[in-house]
């Protein structure tokens, strides 16, 4: 994992913008006290947790982690979402769609954006065939975009639908 300040964190941006974005999908951001364990965190430490429709985070939780876990909730089917606690599961195609959607959603948080998301994903250690999040997104992610369109999460024009996968 990267050094503490290597990635943008919840405390570095307007938390209200994150709350509003997640609420558009019917998700809730629950802030955990500093230094407390984050319930529902698969990676533990400062990484976001997921339980049902709630994303749990601390002030020091990386934004990419909050969006990644949120996108898992958005992209999973209703059956898995109904029992969601900690491990999102899912297949490779869904994981790619999660990564693609989190990159797009970064543009909706002032002070974050695509470029910073790519940088933070690389710093954290996401791995892509082409060696970087940016190259994957720009050159190798057509299947992830198609998956999001097929499952009613993006329009064919790339506009957000702001609903959970049915």
Foldseek 3Di string as FASTA:
>chain_A
DFPLPQAAFCLNFDVVLVQVLLVLAPAGEAEDEPPDWAFQALVIDQAWHDDQRYIYGYRSYGLLRSQLVSLLLQQDDPVLSVGDGNDSDDDPLSSLLSLLVSLVCQCSTPPGHNVSSFSRCVNVPDDDPVGTSVCCNVPPSPSSVVSCCVQVQAPPVGHGPSYGRD
